[in-house]
């Protein structure tokens, strides 16, 4: 004798039910990971190569930054040399 609509935890009904449940769980996991913290997503996307990487500083810019940090170059001179290099302020 069959009770209800014929779907029970035996045979194809059980397999179909487990498949639907697994699909719902996977959908929830995907949604949480996709719509999680934006800053974490941006960092991971950049690390994974999905987003373009920030351009690396030139050797001249690195040397200028170091000299400015050490106090060897005054602010006005630093800004002038940045413009000569064609780079923006930090």
PDB file of N, CA and C in Angstrom:
ATOM      1  N   UNK A   1       0.838  -1.158   0.000  1.00  0.00           N
ATOM      2  CA  UNK A   1       0.000   0.000   0.000  1.00  0.00           C
ATOM      3  C   UNK A   1       0.898   1.241   0.000  1.00  0.00           C
ATOM      4  N   UNK A   2       0.540   2.261  -0.761  1.00  0.00           N
ATOM      5  CA  UNK A   2       1.338   3.463  -0.890  1.00  0.00           C
ATOM      6  C   UNK A   2       0.622   4.615  -0.193  1.00  0.00           C
ATOM      7  N   UNK A   3       1.356   5.354   0.625  1.00  0.00           N
ATOM      8  CA  UNK A   3       0.778   6.471   1.357  1.00  0.00           C
ATOM      9  C   UNK A   3       1.212   7.780   0.707  1.00  0.00           C
ATOM     10  N   UNK A   4       0.420   8.788   0.745  1.00  0.00           N
ATOM     11  CA  UNK A   4       0.783  10.105   0.226  1.00  0.00           C
ATOM     12  C   UNK A   4       0.830  10.115  -1.283  1.00  0.00           C
ATOM     13  N   UNK A   5       1.797  10.827  -1.831  1.00  0.00           N
ATOM     14  CA  UNK A   5       1.905  10.983  -3.281  1.00  0.00           C
ATOM     15  C   UNK A   5       2.850   9.976  -3.917  1.00  0.00           C
ATOM     16  N   UNK A   6       3.318   9.049  -3.174  1.00  0.00           N
ATOM     17  CA  UNK A   6       4.167   8.012  -3.727  1.00  0.00           C
ATOM     18  C   UNK A   6       5.653   8.268  -3.572  1.00  0.00           C
ATOM     19  N   UNK A   7       6.042   9.451  -3.115  1.00  0.00           N
ATOM     20  CA  UNK A   7       7.462   9.735  -2.895  1.00  0.00           C
ATOM     21  C   UNK A   7       7.806   9.413  -1.450  1.00  0.00           C
ATOM     22  N   UNK A   8       8.690   8.522  -1.274  1.00  0.00           N
ATOM     23  CA  UNK A   8       9.149   8.182   0.061  1.00  0.00           C
ATOM     24  C   UNK A   8      10.665   8.129   0.044  1.00  0.00           C
ATOM     25  N   UNK A   9      11.265   7.761   1.127  1.00  0.00           N
ATOM     26  CA  UNK A   9      12.720   7.755   1.211  1.00  0.00           C
ATOM     27  C   UNK A   9      13.337   6.481   0.661  1.00  0.00           C
ATOM     28  N   UNK A  10      12.617   5.808  -0.203  1.00  0.00           N
ATOM     29  CA  UNK A  10      13.142   4.603  -0.836  1.00  0.00           C
ATOM     30  C   UNK A  10      13.142   4.819  -2.347  1.00  0.00           C
ATOM     31  N   UNK A  11      14.080   4.272  -3.010  1.00  0.00           N
ATOM     32  CA  UNK A  11      14.113   4.329  -4.472  1.00  0.00           C
ATOM     33  C   UNK A  11      14.388   5.717  -5.000  1.00  0.00           C
ATOM     34  N   UNK A  12      13.756   6.077  -6.121  1.00  0.00           N
ATOM     35  CA  UNK A  12      14.008   7.338  -6.800  1.00  0.00           C
ATOM     36  C   UNK A  12      13.545   8.543  -6.002  1.00  0.00           C
ATOM     37  N   UNK A  13      12.508   8.403  -5.210  1.00  0.00           N
ATOM     38  CA  UNK A  13      12.028   9.525  -4.405  1.00  0.00           C
ATOM     39  C   UNK A  13      13.079   9.990  -3.415  1.00  0.00           C
ATOM     40  N   UNK A  14      13.770   9.073  -2.785  1.00  0.00           N
ATOM     41  CA  UNK A  14      14.825   9.417  -1.839  1.00  0.00           C
ATOM     42  C   UNK A  14      16.013  10.073  -2.510  1.00  0.00           C
ATOM     43  N   UNK A  15      16.375   9.552  -3.659  1.00  0.00           N
ATOM     44  CA  UNK A  15      17.514  10.113  -4.399  1.00  0.00           C
ATOM     45  C   UNK A  15      17.178  11.519  -4.885  1.00  0.00           C
ATOM     46  N   UNK A  16      15.951  11.698  -5.391  1.00  0.00           N
ATOM     47  CA  UNK A  16      15.544  13.020  -5.855  1.00  0.00           C
ATOM     48  C   UNK A  16      15.512  14.017  -4.701  1.00  0.00           C
ATOM     49  N   UNK A  17      15.003  13.611  -3.558  1.00  0.00           N
ATOM     50  CA  UNK A  17      14.944  14.492  -2.398  1.00  0.00           C
ATOM     51  C   UNK A  17      16.325  14.896  -1.910  1.00  0.00           C
ATOM     52  N   UNK A  18      17.233  13.940  -1.859  1.00  0.00           N
ATOM     53  CA  UNK A  18      18.606  14.247  -1.433  1.00  0.00           C
ATOM     54  C   UNK A  18      19.312  15.155  -2.434  1.00  0.00           C
ATOM     55  N   UNK A  19      19.043  14.957  -3.722  1.00  0.00           N
ATOM     56  CA  UNK A  19      19.655  15.800  -4.750  1.00  0.00           C
ATOM     57  C   UNK A  19      19.166  17.235  -4.637  1.00  0.00           C
ATOM     58  N   UNK A  20      17.871  17.408  -4.419  1.00  0.00           N
ATOM     59  CA  UNK A  20      17.324  18.760  -4.266  1.00  0.00           C
ATOM     60  C   UNK A  20      17.902  19.418  -3.017  1.00  0.00           C
ATOM     61  N   UNK A  21      17.996  18.692  -1.916  1.00  0.00           N
ATOM     62  CA  UNK A  21      18.550  19.245  -0.678  1.00  0.00           C
ATOM     63  C   UNK A  21      20.012  19.651  -0.877  1.00  0.00           C
ATOM     64  N   UNK A  22      20.788  18.802  -1.551  1.00  0.00           N
ATOM     65  CA  UNK A  22      22.191  19.126  -1.808  1.00  0.00           C
ATOM     66  C   UNK A  22      22.298  20.365  -2.701  1.00  0.00           C
ATOM     67  N   UNK A  23      21.414  20.483  -3.680  1.00  0.00           N
ATOM     68  CA  UNK A  23      21.420  21.649  -4.555  1.00  0.00           C
ATOM     69  C   UNK A  23      21.113  22.930  -3.798  1.00  0.00           C
ATOM     70  N   UNK A  24      20.161  22.877  -2.871  1.00  0.00           N
ATOM     71  CA  UNK A  24      19.828  24.049  -2.070  1.00  0.00           C
ATOM     72  C   UNK A  24      21.012  24.450  -1.201  1.00  0.00           C
ATOM     73  N   UNK A  25      21.663  23.477  -0.586  1.00  0.00           N
ATOM     74  CA  UNK A  25      22.829  23.767   0.262  1.00  0.00           C
ATOM     75  C   UNK A  25      23.941  24.416  -0.572  1.00  0.00           C
ATOM     76  N   UNK A  26      24.204  23.876  -1.745  1.00  0.00           N
ATOM     77  CA  UNK A  26      25.241  24.450  -2.607  1.00  0.00           C
ATOM     78  C   UNK A  26      24.874  25.863  -3.055  1.00  0.00           C
ATOM     79  N   UNK A  27      23.601  26.104  -3.334  1.00  0.00           N
ATOM     80  CA  UNK A  27      23.153  27.428  -3.727  1.00  0.00           C
ATOM     81  C   UNK A  27      23.344  28.436  -2.593  1.00  0.00           C
ATOM     82  N   UNK A  28      23.061  28.040  -1.379  1.00  0.00           N
ATOM     83  CA  UNK A  28      23.245  28.928  -0.229  1.00  0.00           C
ATOM     84  C   UNK A  28      24.731  29.227  -0.030  1.00  0.00           C
ATOM     85  N   UNK A  29      25.576  28.221  -0.138  1.00  0.00           N
ATOM     86  CA  UNK A  29      27.022  28.429   0.011  1.00  0.00           C
ATOM     87  C   UNK A  29      27.532  29.389  -1.063  1.00  0.00           C
ATOM     88  N   UNK A  30      27.091  29.188  -2.299  1.00  0.00           N
ATOM     89  CA  UNK A  30      27.510  30.068  -3.391  1.00  0.00           C
ATOM     90  C   UNK A  30      27.061  31.502  -3.135  1.00  0.00           C
ATOM     91  N   UNK A  31      25.810  31.681  -2.684  1.00  0.00           N
ATOM     92  CA  UNK A  31      25.288  33.022  -2.438  1.00  0.00           C
ATOM     93  C   UNK A  31      26.070  33.730  -1.341  1.00  0.00           C
ATOM     94  N   UNK A  32      26.380  33.020  -0.270  1.00  0.00           N
ATOM     95  CA  UNK A  32      27.138  33.624   0.834  1.00  0.00           C
ATOM     96  C   UNK A  32      28.529  34.034   0.370  1.00  0.00           C
ATOM     97  N   UNK A  33      29.174  33.187  -0.396  1.00  0.00           N
ATOM     98  CA  UNK A  33      30.524  33.512  -0.869  1.00  0.00           C
ATOM     99  C   UNK A  33      30.514  34.622  -1.901  1.00  0.00           C
ATOM    100  N   UNK A  34      29.480  34.677  -2.746  1.00  0.00           N
ATOM    101  CA  UNK A  34      29.412  35.695  -3.796  1.00  0.00           C
ATOM    102  C   UNK A  34      29.086  37.070  -3.248  1.00  0.00           C
ATOM    103  N   UNK A  35      28.233  37.120  -2.245  1.00  0.00           N
ATOM    104  CA  UNK A  35      27.771  38.401  -1.740  1.00  0.00           C
ATOM    105  C   UNK A  35      28.375  38.727  -0.386  1.00  0.00           C
ATOM    106  N   UNK A  36      29.533  38.147  -0.080  1.00  0.00           N
ATOM    107  CA  UNK A  36      30.210  38.399   1.186  1.00  0.00           C
ATOM    108  C   UNK A  36      30.848  39.774   1.198  1.00  0.00           C
ATOM    109  N   UNK A  37      31.780  39.964   2.087  1.00  0.00           N
ATOM    110  CA  UNK A  37      32.459  41.244   2.266  1.00  0.00           C
ATOM    111  C   UNK A  37      33.103  41.712   0.962  1.00  0.00           C
ATOM    112  N   UNK A  38      32.813  42.943   0.569  1.00  0.00           N
ATOM    113  CA  UNK A  38      33.342  43.482  -0.691  1.00  0.00           C
ATOM    114  C   UNK A  38      34.857  43.610  -0.651  1.00  0.00           C
ATOM    115  N   UNK A  39      35.410  44.055   0.446  1.00  0.00           N
ATOM    116  CA  UNK A  39      36.858  44.225   0.506  1.00  0.00           C
ATOM    117  C   UNK A  39      37.564  42.891   0.387  1.00  0.00           C
ATOM    118  N   UNK A  40      37.018  41.862   1.011  1.00  0.00           N
ATOM    119  CA  UNK A  40      37.613  40.538   0.903  1.00  0.00           C
ATOM    120  C   UNK A  40      37.512  40.033  -0.524  1.00  0.00           C
ATOM    121  N   UNK A  41      36.382  40.306  -1.195  1.00  0.00           N
ATOM    122  CA  UNK A  41      36.205  39.865  -2.573  1.00  0.00           C
ATOM    123  C   UNK A  41      37.186  40.563  -3.488  1.00  0.00           C
ATOM    124  N   UNK A  42      37.375  41.872  -3.310  1.00  0.00           N
ATOM    125  CA  UNK A  42      38.300  42.601  -4.169  1.00  0.00           C
ATOM    126  C   UNK A  42      39.716  42.086  -4.020  1.00  0.00           C
ATOM    127  N   UNK A  43      40.135  41.858  -2.798  1.00  0.00           N
ATOM    128  CA  UNK A  43      41.491  41.359  -2.564  1.00  0.00           C
ATOM    129  C   UNK A  43      41.668  39.980  -3.171  1.00  0.00           C
ATOM    130  N   UNK A  44      40.717  39.110  -2.971  1.00  0.00           N
ATOM    131  CA  UNK A  44      40.863  37.762  -3.494  1.00  0.00           C
ATOM    132  C   UNK A  44      40.776  37.758  -5.013  1.00  0.00           C
ATOM    133  N   UNK A  45      39.968  38.635  -5.593  1.00  0.00           N
ATOM    134  CA  UNK A  45      39.857  38.703  -7.039  1.00  0.00           C
ATOM    135  C   UNK A  45      41.157  39.202  -7.647  1.00  0.00           C
ATOM    136  N   UNK A  46      41.775  40.175  -6.998  1.00  0.00           N
ATOM    137  CA  UNK A  46      43.049  40.677  -7.511  1.00  0.00           C
ATOM    138  C   UNK A  46      44.124  39.607  -7.401  1.00  0.00           C
ATOM    139  N   UNK A  47      44.141  38.879  -6.270  1.00  0.00           N
ATOM    140  CA  UNK A  47      45.117  37.810  -6.089  1.00  0.00           C
ATOM    141  C   UNK A  47      44.917  36.692  -7.108  1.00  0.00           C
ATOM    142  N   UNK A  48      43.664  36.421  -7.467  1.00  0.00           N
ATOM    143  CA  UNK A  48      43.367  35.342  -8.400  1.00  0.00           C
ATOM    144  C   UNK A  48      43.593  35.753  -9.847  1.00  0.00           C
ATOM    145  N   UNK A  49      43.884  37.019 -10.086  1.00  0.00           N
ATOM    146  CA  UNK A  49      44.129  37.473 -11.444  1.00  0.00           C
ATOM    147  C   UNK A  49      42.861  37.859 -12.182  1.00  0.00           C
ATOM    148  N   UNK A  50      41.729  37.959 -11.487  1.00  0.00           N
ATOM    149  CA  UNK A  50      40.483  38.329 -12.137  1.00  0.00           C
ATOM    150  C   UNK A  50      40.463  39.828 -12.401  1.00  0.00           C
ATOM    151  N   UNK A  51      40.876  40.604 -11.421  1.00  0.00           N
ATOM    152  CA  UNK A  51      40.959  42.053 -11.592  1.00  0.00           C
ATOM    153  C   UNK A  51      42.380  42.417 -11.996  1.00  0.00           C
ATOM    154  N   UNK A  52      42.542  43.501 -12.750  1.00  0.00           N
ATOM    155  CA  UNK A  52      43.907  43.890 -13.114  1.00  0.00           C
ATOM    156  C   UNK A  52      44.681  44.331 -11.876  1.00  0.00           C
ATOM    157  N   UNK A  53      45.935  43.964 -11.830  1.00  0.00           N
ATOM    158  CA  UNK A  53      46.785  44.321 -10.690  1.00  0.00           C
ATOM    159  C   UNK A  53      47.111  45.806 -10.738  1.00  0.00           C
ATOM    160  N   UNK A  54      47.351  46.370  -9.589  1.00  0.00           N
ATOM    161  CA  UNK A  54      47.757  47.776  -9.543  1.00  0.00           C
ATOM    162  C   UNK A  54      49.133  47.899 -10.199  1.00  0.00           C
ATOM    163  N   UNK A  55      49.338  48.977 -10.942  1.00  0.00           N
ATOM    164  CA  UNK A  55      50.642  49.115 -11.602  1.00  0.00           C
ATOM    165  C   UNK A  55      51.755  49.250 -10.562  1.00  0.00           C
ATOM    166  N   UNK A  56      52.854  48.607 -10.837  1.00  0.00           N
ATOM    167  CA  UNK A  56      54.002  48.664  -9.928  1.00  0.00           C
ATOM    168  C   UNK A  56      54.677  50.026 -10.058  1.00  0.00           C
ATOM    169  N   UNK A  57      55.245  50.482  -8.956  1.00  0.00           N
ATOM    170  CA  UNK A  57      55.968  51.752  -8.989  1.00  0.00           C
ATOM    171  C   UNK A  57      57.263  51.551  -9.757  1.00  0.00           C
ATOM    172  N   UNK A  58      57.649  52.590 -10.483  1.00  0.00           N
ATOM    173  CA  UNK A  58      58.914  52.525 -11.207  1.00  0.00           C
ATOM    174  C   UNK A  58      60.070  52.577 -10.212  1.00  0.00           C
ATOM    175  N   UNK A  59      61.229  52.200 -10.664  1.00  0.00           N
ATOM    176  CA  UNK A  59      62.428  52.230  -9.816  1.00  0.00           C
ATOM    177  C   UNK A  59      62.726  53.662  -9.391  1.00  0.00           C
ATOM    178  N   UNK A  60      62.533  54.611 -10.311  1.00  0.00           N
ATOM    179  CA  UNK A  60      62.773  56.018  -9.983  1.00  0.00           C
ATOM    180  C   UNK A  60      61.796  56.495  -8.910  1.00  0.00           C
ATOM    181  N   UNK A  61      60.533  56.086  -9.011  1.00  0.00           N
ATOM    182  CA  UNK A  61      59.529  56.484  -8.012  1.00  0.00           C
ATOM    183  C   UNK A  61      59.864  55.872  -6.664  1.00  0.00           C
ATOM    184  N   UNK A  62      60.294  54.630  -6.645  1.00  0.00           N
ATOM    185  CA  UNK A  62      60.659  53.987  -5.379  1.00  0.00           C
ATOM    186  C   UNK A  62      61.825  54.717  -4.713  1.00  0.00           C
ATOM    187  N   UNK A  63      62.830  55.085  -5.514  1.00  0.00           N
ATOM    188  CA  UNK A  63      63.990  55.792  -4.970  1.00  0.00           C
ATOM    189  C   UNK A  63      63.573  57.168  -4.445  1.00  0.00           C
ATOM    190  N   UNK A  64      62.701  57.849  -5.189  1.00  0.00           N
ATOM    191  CA  UNK A  64      62.221  59.166  -4.759  1.00  0.00           C
ATOM    192  C   UNK A  64      61.415  59.045  -3.466  1.00  0.00           C
ATOM    193  N   UNK A  65      60.563  58.041  -3.379  1.00  0.00           N
ATOM    194  CA  UNK A  65      59.776  57.819  -2.158  1.00  0.00           C
ATOM    195  C   UNK A  65      60.675  57.555  -0.954  1.00  0.00           C
ATOM    196  N   UNK A  66      61.721  56.766  -1.157  1.00  0.00           N
ATOM    197  CA  UNK A  66      62.648  56.466  -0.059  1.00  0.00           C
ATOM    198  C   UNK A  66      63.381  57.734   0.397  1.00  0.00           C
ATOM    199  N   UNK A  67      63.851  58.518  -0.562  1.00  0.00           N
ATOM    200  CA  UNK A  67      64.559  59.754  -0.208  1.00  0.00           C
ATOM    201  C   UNK A  67      63.631  60.731   0.509  1.00  0.00           C
ATOM    202  N   UNK A  68      62.366  60.795   0.075  1.00  0.00           N
ATOM    203  CA  UNK A  68      61.390  61.675   0.728  1.00  0.00           C
ATOM    204  C   UNK A  68      61.095  61.176   2.146  1.00  0.00           C
ATOM    205  N   UNK A  69      60.960  59.882   2.299  1.00  0.00           N
ATOM    206  CA  UNK A  69      60.691  59.308   3.624  1.00  0.00           C
ATOM    207  C   UNK A  69      61.861  59.536   4.578  1.00  0.00           C
ATOM    208  N   UNK A  70      63.074  59.529   4.061  1.00  0.00           N
ATOM    209  CA  UNK A  70      64.259  59.760   4.892  1.00  0.00           C
ATOM    210  C   UNK A  70      64.513  61.240   5.162  1.00  0.00           C
ATOM    211  N   UNK A  71      63.733  62.112   4.544  1.00  0.00           N
ATOM    212  CA  UNK A  71      63.895  63.547   4.770  1.00  0.00           C
ATOM    213  C   UNK A  71      64.950  64.187   3.897  1.00  0.00           C
ATOM    214  N   UNK A  72      65.424  63.485   2.894  1.00  0.00           N
ATOM    215  CA  UNK A  72      66.460  64.016   2.011  1.00  0.00           C
ATOM    216  C   UNK A  72      65.896  64.972   0.962  1.00  0.00           C
ATOM    217  N   UNK A  73      64.595  64.859   0.686  1.00  0.00           N
ATOM    218  CA  UNK A  73      63.957  65.677  -0.339  1.00  0.00           C
ATOM    219  C   UNK A  73      62.793  66.428   0.306  1.00  0.00           C
ATOM    220  N   UNK A  74      62.742  67.760   0.171  1.00  0.00           N
ATOM    221  CA  UNK A  74      61.599  68.508   0.725  1.00  0.00           C
ATOM    222  C   UNK A  74      60.313  68.235  -0.076  1.00  0.00           C
ATOM    223  N   UNK A  75      59.188  68.567   0.510  1.00  0.00           N
ATOM    224  CA  UNK A  75      57.887  68.258  -0.089  1.00  0.00           C
ATOM    225  C   UNK A  75      57.720  68.892  -1.470  1.00  0.00           C
ATOM    226  N   UNK A  76      58.114  70.155  -1.611  1.00  0.00           N
ATOM    227  CA  UNK A  76      57.946  70.832  -2.898  1.00  0.00           C
ATOM    228  C   UNK A  76      58.739  70.127  -3.997  1.00  0.00           C
ATOM    229  N   UNK A  77      59.975  69.765  -3.661  1.00  0.00           N
ATOM    230  CA  UNK A  77      60.830  69.083  -4.630  1.00  0.00           C
ATOM    231  C   UNK A  77      60.276  67.688  -4.956  1.00  0.00           C
ATOM    232  N   UNK A  78      59.755  67.024  -3.949  1.00  0.00           N
ATOM    233  CA  UNK A  78      59.157  65.698  -4.139  1.00  0.00           C
ATOM    234  C   UNK A  78      57.991  65.782  -5.117  1.00  0.00           C
ATOM    235  N   UNK A  79      57.097  66.744  -4.910  1.00  0.00           N
ATOM    236  CA  UNK A  79      55.933  66.897  -5.777  1.00  0.00           C
ATOM    237  C   UNK A  79      56.337  67.280  -7.198  1.00  0.00           C
ATOM    238  N   UNK A  80      57.358  68.132  -7.312  1.00  0.00           N
ATOM    239  CA  UNK A  80      57.851  68.525  -8.633  1.00  0.00           C
ATOM    240  C   UNK A  80      58.422  67.324  -9.383  1.00  0.00           C
ATOM    241  N   UNK A  81      59.196  66.517  -8.686  1.00  0.00           N
ATOM    242  CA  UNK A  81      59.803  65.351  -9.332  1.00  0.00           C
ATOM    243  C   UNK A  81      58.752  64.291  -9.682  1.00  0.00           C
ATOM    244  N   UNK A  82      57.702  64.201  -8.881  1.00  0.00           N
ATOM    245  CA  UNK A  82      56.606  63.291  -9.226  1.00  0.00           C
ATOM    246  C   UNK A  82      55.966  63.696 -10.552  1.00  0.00           C
ATOM    247  N   UNK A  83      55.758  65.006 -10.703  1.00  0.00           N
ATOM    248  CA  UNK A  83      55.142  65.482 -11.953  1.00  0.00           C
ATOM    249  C   UNK A  83      56.070  65.249 -13.146  1.00  0.00           C
ATOM    250  N   UNK A  84      57.383  65.388 -12.929  1.00  0.00           N
ATOM    251  CA  UNK A  84      58.358  65.129 -13.994  1.00  0.00           C
ATOM    252  C   UNK A  84      58.303  63.650 -14.388  1.00  0.00           C
ATOM    253  N   UNK A  85      58.136  62.776 -13.389  1.00  0.00           N
ATOM    254  CA  UNK A  85      58.043  61.342 -13.667  1.00  0.00           C
ATOM    255  C   UNK A  85      56.711  60.971 -14.299  1.00  0.00           C
ATOM    256  N   UNK A  86      55.751  61.895 -14.230  1.00  0.00           N
ATOM    257  CA  UNK A  86      54.440  61.607 -14.804  1.00  0.00           C
ATOM    258  C   UNK A  86      53.601  60.726 -13.908  1.00  0.00           C
ATOM    259  N   UNK A  87      53.869  60.731 -12.616  1.00  0.00           N
ATOM    260  CA  UNK A  87      53.141  59.913 -11.670  1.00  0.00           C
ATOM    261  C   UNK A  87      52.378  60.807 -10.699  1.00  0.00           C
ATOM    262  N   UNK A  88      51.307  60.275 -10.175  1.00  0.00           N
ATOM    263  CA  UNK A  88      50.494  61.061  -9.267  1.00  0.00           C
ATOM    264  C   UNK A  88      51.041  60.946  -7.843  1.00  0.00           C
ATOM    265  N   UNK A  89      50.468  61.752  -6.978  1.00  0.00           N
ATOM    266  CA  UNK A  89      50.861  61.728  -5.571  1.00  0.00           C
ATOM    267  C   UNK A  89      50.426  60.406  -4.946  1.00  0.00           C
ATOM    268  N   UNK A  90      51.086  60.009  -3.847  1.00  0.00           N
ATOM    269  CA  UNK A  90      50.739  58.728  -3.211  1.00  0.00           C
ATOM    270  C   UNK A  90      49.327  58.689  -2.686  1.00  0.00           C
TER     271      UNK A  90
END
